[in-house]
Amino acid sequence: MGAAIYVIHLLVTIYMNNIVAILGVKTVAADGIVFFGTIIGSIILMFIIEKTPLSFANLRRIKFGKNKATCREA
């Protein structure tokens, strides 16, 4: 759970900054909205992604065929 937040938070932070700019909020209020919105949004997005086939746990269960690509020897 913890590692997923580090990956997602940048995306959520960008969206929160855009929302604050659209609303025209300035100063400390804008920082609070971005900070708390990023925390809450990252956790919500993380739980949504974990429920889809895109989750890391589901990707690890994928079994690849016996045909493995190998590099040609020089």
PDB file of N, CA and C in Angstrom:
ATOM      1  N   MET A   1       0.823  -1.189   0.000  1.00  0.00           N
ATOM      2  CA  MET A   1       0.000   0.000   0.000  1.00  0.00           C
ATOM      3  C   MET A   1       0.869   1.254   0.000  1.00  0.00           C
ATOM      4  N   GLY A   2       1.930   1.281   0.804  1.00  0.00           N
ATOM      5  CA  GLY A   2       2.748   2.474   0.939  1.00  0.00           C
ATOM      6  C   GLY A   2       3.479   2.859  -0.343  1.00  0.00           C
ATOM      7  N   ALA A   3       4.026   1.870  -1.042  1.00  0.00           N
ATOM      8  CA  ALA A   3       4.793   2.171  -2.250  1.00  0.00           C
ATOM      9  C   ALA A   3       3.905   2.742  -3.351  1.00  0.00           C
ATOM     10  N   ALA A   4       2.661   2.324  -3.383  1.00  0.00           N
ATOM     11  CA  ALA A   4       1.759   2.804  -4.425  1.00  0.00           C
ATOM     12  C   ALA A   4       1.490   4.297  -4.273  1.00  0.00           C
ATOM     13  N   ILE A   5       1.452   4.786  -3.041  1.00  0.00           N
ATOM     14  CA  ILE A   5       1.180   6.211  -2.820  1.00  0.00           C
ATOM     15  C   ILE A   5       2.299   7.061  -3.399  1.00  0.00           C
ATOM     16  N   TYR A   6       3.561   6.615  -3.284  1.00  0.00           N
ATOM     17  CA  TYR A   6       4.676   7.386  -3.805  1.00  0.00           C
ATOM     18  C   TYR A   6       4.586   7.536  -5.317  1.00  0.00           C
ATOM     19  N   VAL A   7       4.043   6.545  -5.974  1.00  0.00           N
ATOM     20  CA  VAL A   7       3.928   6.594  -7.432  1.00  0.00           C
ATOM     21  C   VAL A   7       2.753   7.468  -7.861  1.00  0.00           C
ATOM     22  N   ILE A   8       1.670   7.406  -7.141  1.00  0.00           N
ATOM     23  CA  ILE A   8       0.443   8.080  -7.563  1.00  0.00           C
ATOM     24  C   ILE A   8       0.399   9.553  -7.172  1.00  0.00           C
ATOM     25  N   HIS A   9       1.079   9.929  -6.098  1.00  0.00           N
ATOM     26  CA  HIS A   9       0.859  11.258  -5.531  1.00  0.00           C
ATOM     27  C   HIS A   9       1.200  12.391  -6.496  1.00  0.00           C
ATOM     28  N   LEU A  10       2.139  12.187  -7.387  1.00  0.00           N
ATOM     29  CA  LEU A  10       2.504  13.259  -8.315  1.00  0.00           C
ATOM     30  C   LEU A  10       1.352  13.573  -9.263  1.00  0.00           C
ATOM     31  N   LEU A  11       0.713  12.539  -9.779  1.00  0.00           N
ATOM     32  CA  LEU A  11      -0.444  12.725 -10.663  1.00  0.00           C
ATOM     33  C   LEU A  11      -1.559  13.475  -9.945  1.00  0.00           C
ATOM     34  N   VAL A  12      -1.849  13.067  -8.720  1.00  0.00           N
ATOM     35  CA  VAL A  12      -2.930  13.704  -7.957  1.00  0.00           C
ATOM     36  C   VAL A  12      -2.561  15.148  -7.612  1.00  0.00           C
ATOM     37  N   THR A  13      -1.295  15.392  -7.290  1.00  0.00           N
ATOM     38  CA  THR A  13      -0.853  16.754  -6.964  1.00  0.00           C
ATOM     39  C   THR A  13      -1.030  17.688  -8.155  1.00  0.00           C
ATOM     40  N   ILE A  14      -0.721  17.220  -9.341  1.00  0.00           N
ATOM     41  CA  ILE A  14      -0.898  18.040 -10.543  1.00  0.00           C
ATOM     42  C   ILE A  14      -2.372  18.384 -10.730  1.00  0.00           C
ATOM     43  N   TYR A  15      -3.252  17.394 -10.561  1.00  0.00           N
ATOM     44  CA  TYR A  15      -4.678  17.656 -10.700  1.00  0.00           C
ATOM     45  C   TYR A  15      -5.180  18.628  -9.628  1.00  0.00           C
ATOM     46  N   MET A  16      -4.696  18.473  -8.416  1.00  0.00           N
ATOM     47  CA  MET A  16      -5.133  19.371  -7.351  1.00  0.00           C
ATOM     48  C   MET A  16      -4.657  20.801  -7.606  1.00  0.00           C
ATOM     49  N   ASN A  17      -3.445  20.963  -8.101  1.00  0.00           N
ATOM     50  CA  ASN A  17      -2.964  22.306  -8.458  1.00  0.00           C
ATOM     51  C   ASN A  17      -3.816  22.922  -9.564  1.00  0.00           C
ATOM     52  N   ASN A  18      -4.230  22.117 -10.517  1.00  0.00           N
ATOM     53  CA  ASN A  18      -5.108  22.625 -11.580  1.00  0.00           C
ATOM     54  C   ASN A  18      -6.470  23.030 -11.039  1.00  0.00           C
ATOM     55  N   ILE A  19      -7.011  22.238 -10.128  1.00  0.00           N
ATOM     56  CA  ILE A  19      -8.311  22.569  -9.541  1.00  0.00           C
ATOM     57  C   ILE A  19      -8.227  23.872  -8.750  1.00  0.00           C
ATOM     58  N   VAL A  20      -7.152  24.041  -7.979  1.00  0.00           N
ATOM     59  CA  VAL A  20      -6.969  25.272  -7.208  1.00  0.00           C
ATOM     60  C   VAL A  20      -6.849  26.474  -8.136  1.00  0.00           C
ATOM     61  N   ALA A  21      -6.137  26.314  -9.244  1.00  0.00           N
ATOM     62  CA  ALA A  21      -5.990  27.415 -10.194  1.00  0.00           C
ATOM     63  C   ALA A  21      -7.324  27.768 -10.849  1.00  0.00           C
ATOM     64  N   ILE A  22      -8.115  26.765 -11.174  1.00  0.00           N
ATOM     65  CA  ILE A  22      -9.427  27.015 -11.784  1.00  0.00           C
ATOM     66  C   ILE A  22     -10.346  27.739 -10.804  1.00  0.00           C
ATOM     67  N   LEU A  23     -10.295  27.332  -9.535  1.00  0.00           N
ATOM     68  CA  LEU A  23     -11.133  27.967  -8.521  1.00  0.00           C
ATOM     69  C   LEU A  23     -10.623  29.347  -8.129  1.00  0.00           C
ATOM     70  N   GLY A  24      -9.372  29.649  -8.426  1.00  0.00           N
ATOM     71  CA  GLY A  24      -8.804  30.947  -8.110  1.00  0.00           C
ATOM     72  C   GLY A  24      -8.454  31.125  -6.644  1.00  0.00           C
ATOM     73  N   VAL A  25      -8.233  30.031  -5.945  1.00  0.00           N
ATOM     74  CA  VAL A  25      -7.885  30.093  -4.526  1.00  0.00           C
ATOM     75  C   VAL A  25      -6.406  30.466  -4.402  1.00  0.00           C
ATOM     76  N   LYS A  26      -6.100  31.296  -3.414  1.00  0.00           N
ATOM     77  CA  LYS A  26      -4.721  31.740  -3.237  1.00  0.00           C
ATOM     78  C   LYS A  26      -4.286  31.566  -1.782  1.00  0.00           C
ATOM     79  N   THR A  27      -3.030  31.710  -1.540  1.00  0.00           N
ATOM     80  CA  THR A  27      -2.362  31.683  -0.229  1.00  0.00           C
ATOM     81  C   THR A  27      -2.475  30.336   0.478  1.00  0.00           C
ATOM     82  N   VAL A  28      -2.702  30.398   1.788  1.00  0.00           N
ATOM     83  CA  VAL A  28      -2.676  29.197   2.614  1.00  0.00           C
ATOM     84  C   VAL A  28      -3.820  28.241   2.263  1.00  0.00           C
ATOM     85  N   ALA A  29      -4.945  28.776   1.870  1.00  0.00           N
ATOM     86  CA  ALA A  29      -6.087  27.940   1.516  1.00  0.00           C
ATOM     87  C   ALA A  29      -5.746  27.041   0.333  1.00  0.00           C
ATOM     88  N   ALA A  30      -5.035  27.582  -0.643  1.00  0.00           N
ATOM     89  CA  ALA A  30      -4.642  26.785  -1.807  1.00  0.00           C
ATOM     90  C   ALA A  30      -3.700  25.661  -1.392  1.00  0.00           C
ATOM     91  N   ASP A  31      -2.755  25.967  -0.502  1.00  0.00           N
ATOM     92  CA  ASP A  31      -1.821  24.945  -0.028  1.00  0.00           C
ATOM     93  C   ASP A  31      -2.548  23.841   0.734  1.00  0.00           C
ATOM     94  N   GLY A  32      -3.512  24.219   1.538  1.00  0.00           N
ATOM     95  CA  GLY A  32      -4.292  23.231   2.285  1.00  0.00           C
ATOM     96  C   GLY A  32      -5.104  22.336   1.383  1.00  0.00           C
ATOM     97  N   ILE A  33      -5.725  22.938   0.375  1.00  0.00           N
ATOM     98  CA  ILE A  33      -6.513  22.144  -0.571  1.00  0.00           C
ATOM     99  C   ILE A  33      -5.614  21.164  -1.318  1.00  0.00           C
ATOM    100  N   VAL A  34      -4.467  21.637  -1.771  1.00  0.00           N
ATOM    101  CA  VAL A  34      -3.549  20.756  -2.503  1.00  0.00           C
ATOM    102  C   VAL A  34      -3.023  19.654  -1.589  1.00  0.00           C
ATOM    103  N   PHE A  35      -2.623  19.999  -0.364  1.00  0.00           N
ATOM    104  CA  PHE A  35      -2.045  19.021   0.558  1.00  0.00           C
ATOM    105  C   PHE A  35      -3.050  17.933   0.928  1.00  0.00           C
ATOM    106  N   PHE A  36      -4.185  18.344   1.469  1.00  0.00           N
ATOM    107  CA  PHE A  36      -5.165  17.359   1.911  1.00  0.00           C
ATOM    108  C   PHE A  36      -5.847  16.664   0.732  1.00  0.00           C
ATOM    109  N   GLY A  37      -6.052  17.387  -0.353  1.00  0.00           N
ATOM    110  CA  GLY A  37      -6.614  16.756  -1.546  1.00  0.00           C
ATOM    111  C   GLY A  37      -5.695  15.703  -2.123  1.00  0.00           C
ATOM    112  N   THR A  38      -4.385  15.946  -2.069  1.00  0.00           N
ATOM    113  CA  THR A  38      -3.425  14.969  -2.566  1.00  0.00           C
ATOM    114  C   THR A  38      -3.423  13.717  -1.702  1.00  0.00           C
ATOM    115  N   ILE A  39      -3.459  13.892  -0.402  1.00  0.00           N
ATOM    116  CA  ILE A  39      -3.479  12.727   0.496  1.00  0.00           C
ATOM    117  C   ILE A  39      -4.737  11.891   0.276  1.00  0.00           C
ATOM    118  N   ILE A  40      -5.877  12.544   0.311  1.00  0.00           N
ATOM    119  CA  ILE A  40      -7.147  11.831   0.170  1.00  0.00           C
ATOM    120  C   ILE A  40      -7.279  11.246  -1.243  1.00  0.00           C
ATOM    121  N   GLY A  41      -6.937  12.049  -2.253  1.00  0.00           N
ATOM    122  CA  GLY A  41      -7.049  11.581  -3.634  1.00  0.00           C
ATOM    123  C   GLY A  41      -6.115  10.424  -3.947  1.00  0.00           C
ATOM    124  N   SER A  42      -4.905  10.441  -3.390  1.00  0.00           N
ATOM    125  CA  SER A  42      -3.955   9.350  -3.626  1.00  0.00           C
ATOM    126  C   SER A  42      -4.447   8.048  -3.018  1.00  0.00           C
ATOM    127  N   ILE A  43      -4.985   8.136  -1.813  1.00  0.00           N
ATOM    128  CA  ILE A  43      -5.490   6.926  -1.159  1.00  0.00           C
ATOM    129  C   ILE A  43      -6.686   6.364  -1.914  1.00  0.00           C
ATOM    130  N   ILE A  44      -7.597   7.231  -2.333  1.00  0.00           N
ATOM    131  CA  ILE A  44      -8.769   6.767  -3.089  1.00  0.00           C
ATOM    132  C   ILE A  44      -8.347   6.153  -4.414  1.00  0.00           C
ATOM    133  N   LEU A  45      -7.458   6.825  -5.135  1.00  0.00           N
ATOM    134  CA  LEU A  45      -6.993   6.297  -6.419  1.00  0.00           C
ATOM    135  C   LEU A  45      -6.248   4.986  -6.241  1.00  0.00           C
ATOM    136  N   MET A  46      -5.475   4.850  -5.171  1.00  0.00           N
ATOM    137  CA  MET A  46      -4.749   3.617  -4.908  1.00  0.00           C
ATOM    138  C   MET A  46      -5.721   2.451  -4.700  1.00  0.00           C
ATOM    139  N   PHE A  47      -6.774   2.665  -3.920  1.00  0.00           N
ATOM    140  CA  PHE A  47      -7.744   1.596  -3.697  1.00  0.00           C
ATOM    141  C   PHE A  47      -8.498   1.252  -4.980  1.00  0.00           C
ATOM    142  N   ILE A  48      -8.784   2.243  -5.812  1.00  0.00           N
ATOM    143  CA  ILE A  48      -9.461   1.974  -7.087  1.00  0.00           C
ATOM    144  C   ILE A  48      -8.567   1.140  -8.000  1.00  0.00           C
ATOM    145  N   ILE A  49      -7.296   1.491  -8.086  1.00  0.00           N
ATOM    146  CA  ILE A  49      -6.376   0.745  -8.951  1.00  0.00           C
ATOM    147  C   ILE A  49      -6.173  -0.673  -8.445  1.00  0.00           C
ATOM    148  N   GLU A  50      -6.145  -0.864  -7.131  1.00  0.00           N
ATOM    149  CA  GLU A  50      -5.974  -2.211  -6.587  1.00  0.00           C
ATOM    150  C   GLU A  50      -7.143  -3.126  -6.924  1.00  0.00           C
ATOM    151  N   LYS A  51      -8.299  -2.570  -7.207  1.00  0.00           N
ATOM    152  CA  LYS A  51      -9.470  -3.374  -7.552  1.00  0.00           C
ATOM    153  C   LYS A  51      -9.531  -3.720  -9.048  1.00  0.00           C
ATOM    154  N   THR A  52      -8.646  -3.168  -9.839  1.00  0.00           N
ATOM    155  CA  THR A  52      -8.654  -3.408 -11.279  1.00  0.00           C
ATOM    156  C   THR A  52      -7.546  -4.379 -11.666  1.00  0.00           C
ATOM    157  N   PRO A  53      -7.553  -4.871 -12.903  1.00  0.00           N
ATOM    158  CA  PRO A  53      -6.469  -5.745 -13.365  1.00  0.00           C
ATOM    159  C   PRO A  53      -5.122  -5.031 -13.459  1.00  0.00           C
ATOM    160  N   LEU A  54      -5.076  -3.730 -13.275  1.00  0.00           N
ATOM    161  CA  LEU A  54      -3.821  -2.997 -13.355  1.00  0.00           C
ATOM    162  C   LEU A  54      -3.009  -3.066 -12.079  1.00  0.00           C
ATOM    163  N   SER A  55      -3.551  -3.680 -11.033  1.00  0.00           N
ATOM    164  CA  SER A  55      -2.843  -3.705  -9.757  1.00  0.00           C
ATOM    165  C   SER A  55      -1.557  -4.513  -9.868  1.00  0.00           C
ATOM    166  N   PHE A  56      -0.591  -4.157  -9.060  1.00  0.00           N
ATOM    167  CA  PHE A  56       0.722  -4.807  -9.100  1.00  0.00           C
ATOM    168  C   PHE A  56       0.610  -6.289  -8.760  1.00  0.00           C
ATOM    169  N   ALA A  57      -0.254  -6.626  -7.806  1.00  0.00           N
ATOM    170  CA  ALA A  57      -0.415  -8.023  -7.412  1.00  0.00           C
ATOM    171  C   ALA A  57      -0.932  -8.854  -8.578  1.00  0.00           C
ATOM    172  N   ASN A  58      -1.849  -8.305  -9.348  1.00  0.00           N
ATOM    173  CA  ASN A  58      -2.367  -9.043 -10.501  1.00  0.00           C
ATOM    174  C   ASN A  58      -1.329  -9.141 -11.610  1.00  0.00           C
ATOM    175  N   LEU A  59      -0.519  -8.116 -11.779  1.00  0.00           N
ATOM    176  CA  LEU A  59       0.521  -8.176 -12.802  1.00  0.00           C
ATOM    177  C   LEU A  59       1.580  -9.210 -12.455  1.00  0.00           C
ATOM    178  N   ARG A  60       1.841  -9.420 -11.180  1.00  0.00           N
ATOM    179  CA  ARG A  60       2.842 -10.407 -10.766  1.00  0.00           C
ATOM    180  C   ARG A  60       2.370 -11.823 -11.011  1.00  0.00           C
ATOM    181  N   ARG A  61       1.067 -12.053 -11.077  1.00  0.00           N
ATOM    182  CA  ARG A  61       0.532 -13.399 -11.287  1.00  0.00           C
ATOM    183  C   ARG A  61       0.530 -13.816 -12.747  1.00  0.00           C
ATOM    184  N   ILE A  62       0.837 -12.908 -13.651  1.00  0.00           N
ATOM    185  CA  ILE A  62       0.824 -13.232 -15.070  1.00  0.00           C
ATOM    186  C   ILE A  62       1.929 -14.243 -15.355  1.00  0.00           C
ATOM    187  N   LYS A  63       1.574 -15.322 -15.980  1.00  0.00           N
ATOM    188  CA  LYS A  63       2.545 -16.353 -16.330  1.00  0.00           C
ATOM    189  C   LYS A  63       2.938 -16.172 -17.797  1.00  0.00           C
ATOM    190  N   PHE A  64       4.209 -16.069 -18.020  1.00  0.00           N
ATOM    191  CA  PHE A  64       4.700 -15.926 -19.381  1.00  0.00           C
ATOM    192  C   PHE A  64       4.991 -17.303 -19.955  1.00  0.00           C
ATOM    193  N   GLY A  65       4.886 -17.411 -21.262  1.00  0.00           N
ATOM    194  CA  GLY A  65       5.143 -18.677 -21.932  1.00  0.00           C
ATOM    195  C   GLY A  65       6.602 -19.091 -21.831  1.00  0.00           C
ATOM    196  N   LYS A  66       6.892 -20.287 -22.360  1.00  0.00           N
ATOM    197  CA  LYS A  66       8.251 -20.812 -22.291  1.00  0.00           C
ATOM    198  C   LYS A  66       9.181 -20.132 -23.286  1.00  0.00           C
ATOM    199  N   ASN A  67       8.635 -19.406 -24.228  1.00  0.00           N
ATOM    200  CA  ASN A  67       9.459 -18.724 -25.225  1.00  0.00           C
ATOM    201  C   ASN A  67       9.991 -17.428 -24.633  1.00  0.00           C
ATOM    202  N   LYS A  68      11.195 -17.495 -24.110  1.00  0.00           N
ATOM    203  CA  LYS A  68      11.790 -16.315 -23.523  1.00  0.00           C
ATOM    204  C   LYS A  68      12.728 -15.699 -24.542  1.00  0.00           C
ATOM    205  N   ALA A  69      12.673 -14.409 -24.643  1.00  0.00           N
ATOM    206  CA  ALA A  69      13.572 -13.715 -25.565  1.00  0.00           C
ATOM    207  C   ALA A  69      14.971 -13.669 -24.959  1.00  0.00           C
ATOM    208  N   THR A  70      15.947 -14.013 -25.760  1.00  0.00           N
ATOM    209  CA  THR A  70      17.316 -13.969 -25.288  1.00  0.00           C
ATOM    210  C   THR A  70      18.131 -13.091 -26.244  1.00  0.00           C
ATOM    211  N   CYS A  71      19.191 -12.546 -25.726  1.00  0.00           N
ATOM    212  CA  CYS A  71      20.069 -11.729 -26.557  1.00  0.00           C
ATOM    213  C   CYS A  71      20.980 -12.649 -27.380  1.00  0.00           C
ATOM    214  N   ARG A  72      21.255 -12.223 -28.571  1.00  0.00           N
ATOM    215  CA  ARG A  72      22.198 -12.998 -29.398  1.00  0.00           C
ATOM    216  C   ARG A  72      23.583 -12.814 -28.845  1.00  0.00           C
ATOM    217  N   GLU A  73      24.338 -13.863 -28.913  1.00  0.00           N
ATOM    218  CA  GLU A  73      25.723 -13.765 -28.449  1.00  0.00           C
ATOM    219  C   GLU A  73      26.551 -13.042 -29.486  1.00  0.00           C
ATOM    220  N   ALA A  74      27.464 -12.215 -29.030  1.00  0.00           N
ATOM    221  CA  ALA A  74      28.298 -11.426 -29.942  1.00  0.00           C
ATOM    222  C   ALA A  74      29.473 -12.219 -30.448  1.00  0.00           C
TER     223      ALA A  74
END
